[in-house]
Amino acid sequence: MMRLPLPWLLALTGCTLALLLVGSLATGPMSLSLAESLQALFAGKESGIEAHKLLIVQEIRLPRTLLCIAVGGILGLCGAVMQGLFRNPLADPGIIGVSGGAALGAALAIVLLAPLGSHLQSLLGLGLLPLLAFLGGALTTTLVYLLGTREGGTSVTVMLLAGVAITALSGAVIGLLTYLADDQMLRNLSLWQMGSLAAGKPVDVTLALLTLAALLLLFMRDANPLNALLLGEGEARHLGVNVQTLKRRLILLTAAGVGVAVAVAGMIGFVGLVVPHLVRLLAGPNHVRLLPLSALLGAGLLLGADMLARTLLAPAELPVGIITALLGAPFFIWLLVKSRRTL
């Protein structure tokens, strides 16, 4: 299969993402044309454009769009890294337990610590839910890493099994908290677990964008070692790769990235699982090409899913996690059927 050069692929995916960005600014309960959205995006208060249009585009839709791009990019990028690290096409960013730990932290914030969260929000401007979600993901990742580390190094298999066990334990505790929650808490918890980008604050957007930029820079430095790791750990060592250090660094960086994404947007599935597969079809398995394209395509996929979430039941809004599951699950099944001879 003939593949386009990397600059062409980056240009095509970048242009597609730019078109989706403009479309996202025009999408919502209040209908705005693409021209009106662009004018409102770059206009000031003295431009003569209606104040409510400036407010909608600059204060509501633009932060949400940027948060979509950042979270989708993080999930796509981390999914590509995890699949390369585990050498498993079914690996996703939450495979080491970070999503389960973050969900447990969010459930604690919603069900048991709601009064403290309100006080912290008014005092520091920092919500307790994203803070506990991030800390929950970080703690579970640390625990998984400690369980998988031995004198001879880090065992990816043990870490994978520990992640499955901790995810199951987190699910059990979340089930208990769900049983104890009242109606409003239960609704808040359910909506958070389905993922939403509607409540993104400027600090969330800034944090997610900085995280995406840092992860892309750091992961690209490890693109060639990841390519060597695809051959097997022994072959990678013979090629001069410090496998244990590489695994440790990639796992901790992925956990940090997914922790940030889950903390600011909730649980959004299938982006990190499907996007790397789609990029491999277009660009091959070389991580030099795979990583930046996964970030761009993940951002575009989540942005498109969020636009659907805003329009399918307008003026009501679907959780974006439902849309990504409805789009991602059939596509992933199709990929499995298409490639079953090589699996």
Protein backbone atom coordinates (compact mmCIF):
# COMPACT_ATOMS: atom_id res chain seq x y z
CA MET A 1 0.00 0.00 0.00
CA MET A 2 1.43 3.37 -1.07
CA ARG A 3 1.65 5.85 1.80
CA LEU A 4 1.87 9.63 1.54
CA PRO A 5 4.97 11.41 2.90
CA LEU A 6 4.72 12.60 6.50
CA PRO A 7 4.56 16.36 5.66
CA TRP A 8 1.59 15.72 3.37
CA LEU A 9 -0.20 13.66 5.99
CA LEU A 10 0.44 16.30 8.64
CA ALA A 11 -0.82 19.03 6.30
CA LEU A 12 -3.98 17.09 5.42
CA THR A 13 -4.85 16.19 9.00
CA GLY A 14 -3.98 19.72 10.16
CA CYS A 15 -6.28 21.27 7.54
CA THR A 16 -9.07 18.86 8.49
CA LEU A 17 -8.64 19.77 12.15
CA ALA A 18 -8.74 23.49 11.29
CA LEU A 19 -12.01 23.00 9.39
CA LEU A 20 -13.47 21.08 12.32
CA LEU A 21 -12.36 23.87 14.66
CA VAL A 22 -14.23 26.47 12.63
CA GLY A 23 -17.25 24.16 12.41
CA SER A 24 -17.18 23.66 16.17
CA LEU A 25 -17.33 27.42 16.74
CA ALA A 26 -20.47 27.57 14.59
CA THR A 27 -22.14 24.54 16.21
CA GLY A 28 -24.54 24.85 19.09
CA PRO A 29 -28.10 25.64 20.14
CA MET A 30 -27.77 29.15 18.71
CA SER A 31 -27.14 28.96 14.98
CA LEU A 32 -24.16 30.95 13.69
CA SER A 33 -22.71 30.86 10.20
CA LEU A 34 -19.05 30.06 9.64
CA ALA A 35 -18.40 33.68 8.63
CA GLU A 36 -20.11 35.03 11.76
CA SER A 37 -18.14 32.64 13.93
CA LEU A 38 -14.81 33.69 12.43
CA GLN A 39 -15.70 37.38 12.73
CA ALA A 40 -16.70 36.94 16.37
CA LEU A 41 -13.54 34.93 17.08
CA PHE A 42 -11.15 37.70 16.03
CA ALA A 43 -13.32 40.74 16.77
CA GLY A 44 -13.07 43.00 19.81
CA LYS A 45 -15.79 44.64 21.84
CA GLU A 46 -15.66 47.75 19.65
CA SER A 47 -16.21 45.80 16.41
CA GLY A 48 -19.97 46.33 16.29
CA ILE A 49 -20.77 42.60 16.46
CA GLU A 50 -23.55 41.77 18.89
CA ALA A 51 -22.24 41.23 22.40
CA HIS A 52 -24.03 37.90 22.82
CA LYS A 53 -22.31 36.49 19.72
CA LEU A 54 -18.91 37.54 21.05
CA LEU A 55 -19.75 35.92 24.38
CA ILE A 56 -20.91 32.66 22.80
CA VAL A 57 -17.90 32.26 20.51
CA GLN A 58 -15.08 33.61 22.68
CA GLU A 59 -16.20 32.60 26.17
CA ILE A 60 -18.14 29.37 25.58
CA ARG A 61 -17.38 27.66 22.28
CA LEU A 62 -13.68 28.52 21.87
CA PRO A 63 -12.57 27.14 25.29
CA ARG A 64 -14.66 24.02 24.70
CA THR A 65 -13.15 23.53 21.23
CA LEU A 66 -9.60 23.94 22.51
CA LEU A 67 -10.31 21.52 25.35
CA CYS A 68 -11.63 18.99 22.80
CA ILE A 69 -8.45 19.31 20.75
CA ALA A 70 -6.19 18.95 23.79
CA VAL A 71 -7.98 15.99 25.38
CA GLY A 72 -8.41 14.16 22.07
CA GLY A 73 -4.76 14.73 21.22
CA ILE A 74 -3.62 13.43 24.62
CA LEU A 75 -5.76 10.29 24.38
CA GLY A 76 -4.71 9.51 20.80
CA LEU A 77 -1.04 10.09 21.59
CA CYS A 78 -1.07 8.05 24.80
CA GLY A 79 -2.96 5.25 23.06
CA ALA A 80 -0.28 4.99 20.38
CA VAL A 81 2.46 4.89 23.03
CA MET A 82 0.72 2.22 25.12
CA GLN A 83 0.10 -0.01 22.11
CA GLY A 84 3.76 0.31 21.13
CA LEU A 85 5.01 -0.27 24.67
CA PHE A 86 2.85 -3.34 25.34
CA ARG A 87 3.14 -4.49 21.72
CA ASN A 88 -0.58 -5.15 21.96
CA PRO A 89 -3.14 -3.65 19.54
CA LEU A 90 -5.85 -3.90 22.22
CA ALA A 91 -3.98 -1.69 24.70
CA ASP A 92 -5.49 1.68 25.51
CA PRO A 93 -4.34 4.58 27.72
CA GLY A 94 -6.26 3.31 30.75
CA ILE A 95 -4.76 -0.17 30.66
CA ILE A 96 -2.47 0.49 33.65
CA GLY A 97 -5.36 1.47 35.92
CA VAL A 98 -5.12 5.24 35.65
CA SER A 99 -8.71 5.65 34.41
CA GLY A 100 -10.09 3.44 37.18
CA GLY A 101 -8.17 5.36 39.83
CA ALA A 102 -9.29 8.70 38.42
CA ALA A 103 -12.90 7.52 38.38
CA LEU A 104 -12.60 6.47 42.03
CA GLY A 105 -11.19 9.88 42.98
CA ALA A 106 -14.05 11.62 41.16
CA ALA A 107 -16.62 9.39 42.87
CA LEU A 108 -15.16 10.26 46.29
CA ALA A 109 -15.31 13.97 45.44
CA ILE A 110 -18.93 13.77 44.25
CA VAL A 111 -20.42 11.47 46.89
CA LEU A 112 -18.43 11.91 50.12
CA LEU A 113 -16.65 15.26 49.82
CA ALA A 114 -19.17 17.48 48.02
CA PRO A 115 -19.32 20.17 50.79
CA LEU A 116 -15.52 20.36 50.91
CA GLY A 117 -15.45 20.69 47.12
CA SER A 118 -17.77 23.72 47.22
CA HIS A 119 -15.62 25.35 49.92
CA LEU A 120 -12.39 24.70 48.00
CA GLN A 121 -13.91 26.07 44.78
CA SER A 122 -14.93 29.32 46.48
CA LEU A 123 -11.63 29.62 48.36
CA LEU A 124 -9.05 28.73 45.69
CA GLY A 125 -11.02 28.61 42.47
CA LEU A 126 -9.96 24.97 42.17
CA GLY A 127 -12.52 22.20 41.97
CA LEU A 128 -12.04 19.19 44.20
CA LEU A 129 -13.31 16.75 41.54
CA PRO A 130 -10.52 17.28 38.95
CA LEU A 131 -7.94 17.41 41.74
CA LEU A 132 -9.02 14.09 43.28
CA ALA A 133 -9.45 12.52 39.84
CA PHE A 134 -5.87 13.38 38.95
CA LEU A 135 -4.54 12.24 42.33
CA GLY A 136 -6.50 8.98 42.06
CA GLY A 137 -4.99 8.25 38.66
CA ALA A 138 -1.49 9.14 39.88
CA LEU A 139 -1.74 6.96 42.99
CA THR A 140 -3.03 3.91 41.12
CA THR A 141 -0.30 4.27 38.52
CA THR A 142 2.32 4.48 41.26
CA LEU A 143 0.90 1.36 42.90
CA VAL A 144 0.84 -0.53 39.60
CA TYR A 145 4.41 0.50 38.89
CA LEU A 146 5.62 -0.61 42.33
CA LEU A 147 3.87 -3.97 41.94
CA GLY A 148 5.44 -4.49 38.53
CA THR A 149 8.97 -3.49 39.51
CA ARG A 150 11.43 -6.14 40.61
CA GLU A 151 15.19 -6.33 40.97
CA GLY A 152 15.55 -7.40 37.35
CA GLY A 153 13.52 -4.43 36.11
CA THR A 154 9.91 -3.69 35.28
CA SER A 155 7.58 -6.47 34.15
CA VAL A 156 5.02 -5.20 31.66
CA THR A 157 2.92 -8.34 32.15
CA VAL A 158 2.72 -7.88 35.92
CA MET A 159 1.85 -4.22 35.46
CA LEU A 160 -0.91 -5.13 33.04
CA LEU A 161 -2.39 -7.66 35.48
CA ALA A 162 -2.05 -5.21 38.38
CA GLY A 163 -3.84 -2.56 36.33
CA VAL A 164 -6.72 -4.94 35.64
CA ALA A 165 -6.97 -5.84 39.35
CA ILE A 166 -6.89 -2.22 40.53
CA THR A 167 -9.47 -1.23 37.92
CA ALA A 168 -11.76 -3.99 39.21
CA LEU A 169 -11.21 -2.87 42.81
CA SER A 170 -11.94 0.75 41.88
CA GLY A 171 -15.12 -0.37 40.16
CA ALA A 172 -16.25 -2.18 43.30
CA VAL A 173 -15.70 0.90 45.49
CA ILE A 174 -17.47 3.09 42.91
CA GLY A 175 -20.39 0.65 43.02
CA LEU A 176 -20.56 1.07 46.80
CA LEU A 177 -20.45 4.86 46.51
CA THR A 178 -23.16 4.72 43.85
CA TYR A 179 -25.34 2.75 46.27
CA LEU A 180 -24.79 5.40 48.98
CA ALA A 181 -25.34 8.44 46.70
CA ASP A 182 -28.54 10.44 46.57
CA ASP A 183 -30.31 11.26 43.30
CA GLN A 184 -28.33 14.42 42.48
CA MET A 185 -24.99 12.84 43.36
CA LEU A 186 -25.86 9.81 41.27
CA ARG A 187 -26.69 12.00 38.28
CA ASN A 188 -23.46 13.99 38.64
CA LEU A 189 -21.42 10.79 38.89
CA SER A 190 -23.14 9.21 35.89
CA LEU A 191 -22.61 12.30 33.72
CA TRP A 192 -18.94 12.52 34.71
CA GLN A 193 -18.37 8.84 33.88
CA MET A 194 -19.87 9.40 30.41
CA GLY A 195 -17.52 12.31 29.71
CA SER A 196 -18.32 15.95 29.08
CA LEU A 197 -16.40 18.93 27.71
CA ALA A 198 -19.06 21.53 28.47
CA ALA A 199 -17.73 22.70 31.83
CA GLY A 200 -14.12 23.34 30.83
CA LYS A 201 -12.64 26.35 32.61
CA PRO A 202 -9.72 28.43 31.27
CA VAL A 203 -7.36 26.75 33.72
CA ASP A 204 -8.49 23.32 32.45
CA VAL A 205 -7.91 24.35 28.83
CA THR A 206 -4.46 25.77 29.59
CA LEU A 207 -3.43 22.69 31.58
CA ALA A 208 -4.63 20.29 28.88
CA LEU A 209 -2.92 22.19 26.04
CA LEU A 210 0.38 22.43 27.93
CA THR A 211 0.17 18.71 28.76
CA LEU A 212 -0.40 17.82 25.11
CA ALA A 213 2.55 19.95 23.95
CA ALA A 214 4.87 18.51 26.61
CA LEU A 215 3.85 14.91 25.93
CA LEU A 216 4.27 15.28 22.17
CA LEU A 217 7.75 16.74 22.62
CA LEU A 218 8.85 14.07 25.10
CA PHE A 219 7.30 11.13 23.24
CA MET A 220 8.83 12.17 19.92
CA ARG A 221 12.27 11.87 21.53
CA ASP A 222 11.43 8.22 22.23
CA ALA A 223 9.94 7.44 18.80
CA ASN A 224 12.94 5.49 17.52
CA PRO A 225 13.45 3.55 20.79
CA LEU A 226 9.76 2.59 20.56
CA ASN A 227 10.37 1.35 17.02
CA ALA A 228 13.21 -0.79 18.34
CA LEU A 229 11.00 -2.10 21.14
CA LEU A 230 8.54 -3.42 18.53
CA LEU A 231 11.20 -5.98 17.61
CA GLY A 232 11.28 -7.29 21.20
CA GLU A 233 13.03 -6.25 24.39
CA GLY A 234 16.15 -8.34 23.69
CA GLU A 235 16.61 -6.86 20.23
CA ALA A 236 16.03 -3.35 21.58
CA ARG A 237 18.77 -3.87 24.20
CA HIS A 238 21.17 -5.03 21.49
CA LEU A 239 20.39 -1.83 19.59
CA GLY A 240 21.46 0.24 22.61
CA VAL A 241 18.04 1.03 24.12
CA ASN A 242 17.78 1.14 27.92
CA VAL A 243 14.51 -0.78 27.99
CA GLN A 244 13.75 -0.43 31.70
CA THR A 245 14.28 3.32 31.72
CA LEU A 246 12.21 3.66 28.54
CA LYS A 247 9.30 1.67 29.98
CA ARG A 248 9.38 3.60 33.25
CA ARG A 249 9.42 6.96 31.49
CA LEU A 250 6.66 6.13 29.01
CA ILE A 251 4.36 4.65 31.65
CA LEU A 252 4.70 7.61 34.03
CA LEU A 253 4.26 10.18 31.24
CA THR A 254 1.21 8.34 29.89
CA ALA A 255 -0.30 8.15 33.37
CA ALA A 256 0.22 11.89 33.85
CA GLY A 257 -1.34 12.70 30.46
CA VAL A 258 -4.37 10.44 30.90
CA GLY A 259 -4.79 11.70 34.47
CA VAL A 260 -5.03 15.27 33.21
CA ALA A 261 -7.44 14.30 30.40
CA VAL A 262 -9.74 12.35 32.71
CA ALA A 263 -9.60 15.06 35.38
CA VAL A 264 -10.77 17.84 33.04
CA ALA A 265 -13.17 15.90 30.79
CA GLY A 266 -14.29 12.72 32.57
CA MET A 267 -14.19 9.21 31.14
CA ILE A 268 -14.00 9.24 27.33
CA GLY A 269 -13.44 5.85 25.77
CA PHE A 270 -12.29 4.41 22.44
CA VAL A 271 -10.32 7.46 21.25
CA GLY A 272 -7.00 6.06 22.46
CA LEU A 273 -7.91 2.59 21.20
CA VAL A 274 -9.17 3.34 17.69
CA VAL A 275 -7.06 6.31 16.59
CA PRO A 276 -3.64 4.53 16.51
CA HIS A 277 -5.16 1.73 14.39
CA LEU A 278 -6.55 4.23 11.92
CA VAL A 279 -3.21 6.06 11.72
CA ARG A 280 -1.36 2.78 11.10
CA LEU A 281 -3.62 2.15 8.11
CA LEU A 282 -2.66 5.56 6.71
CA ALA A 283 0.96 5.93 7.76
CA GLY A 284 2.35 2.58 8.90
CA PRO A 285 3.80 1.51 12.27
CA ASN A 286 6.78 3.90 12.37
CA HIS A 287 6.34 5.93 15.58
CA VAL A 288 8.02 8.97 14.03
CA ARG A 289 4.91 9.22 11.84
CA LEU A 290 2.46 7.49 14.17
CA LEU A 291 2.78 9.78 17.21
CA PRO A 292 2.10 13.24 15.71
CA LEU A 293 -0.63 11.90 13.44
CA SER A 294 -2.31 10.12 16.38
CA ALA A 295 -2.39 13.40 18.29
CA LEU A 296 -3.92 15.26 15.33
CA LEU A 297 -6.41 12.53 14.48
CA GLY A 298 -7.40 12.05 18.12
CA ALA A 299 -8.09 15.77 18.39
CA GLY A 300 -10.15 15.71 15.19
CA LEU A 301 -12.12 12.62 16.22
CA LEU A 302 -13.07 14.01 19.63
CA LEU A 303 -13.92 17.40 18.14
CA GLY A 304 -16.21 15.77 15.58
CA ALA A 305 -17.82 13.62 18.28
CA ASP A 306 -18.43 16.70 20.43
CA MET A 307 -20.09 18.48 17.50
CA LEU A 308 -22.42 15.50 17.09
CA ALA A 309 -23.12 15.50 20.83
CA ARG A 310 -24.20 19.13 20.61
CA THR A 311 -26.45 18.73 17.57
CA LEU A 312 -28.15 15.31 17.68
CA LEU A 313 -30.60 16.25 20.45
CA ALA A 314 -30.31 20.06 20.31
CA PRO A 315 -30.93 22.10 22.37
CA ALA A 316 -30.21 19.21 24.77
CA GLU A 317 -26.72 17.75 24.75
CA LEU A 318 -25.45 14.18 24.82
CA PRO A 319 -22.35 13.21 26.84
CA VAL A 320 -19.47 12.99 24.38
CA GLY A 321 -18.39 9.60 25.78
CA ILE A 322 -21.59 8.07 24.39
CA ILE A 323 -20.79 9.40 20.91
CA THR A 324 -17.19 8.14 20.96
CA ALA A 325 -18.40 4.69 22.04
CA LEU A 326 -21.10 4.60 19.34
CA LEU A 327 -18.56 5.60 16.70
CA GLY A 328 -15.55 3.75 18.04
CA ALA A 329 -16.96 0.33 18.91
CA PRO A 330 -18.35 -0.55 15.42
CA PHE A 331 -15.23 0.85 13.76
CA PHE A 332 -12.99 -1.21 16.01
CA ILE A 333 -15.03 -4.35 15.31
CA TRP A 334 -14.64 -3.63 11.58
CA LEU A 335 -10.88 -3.30 12.04
CA LEU A 336 -10.74 -6.62 13.87
CA VAL A 337 -12.75 -8.37 11.15
CA LYS A 338 -10.62 -6.77 8.43
CA SER A 339 -7.33 -7.82 10.02
CA ARG A 340 -8.36 -11.17 11.56
CA ARG A 341 -6.04 -13.08 9.25
CA THR A 342 -3.00 -11.28 10.61
CA LEU A 343 -3.93 -11.25 14.31
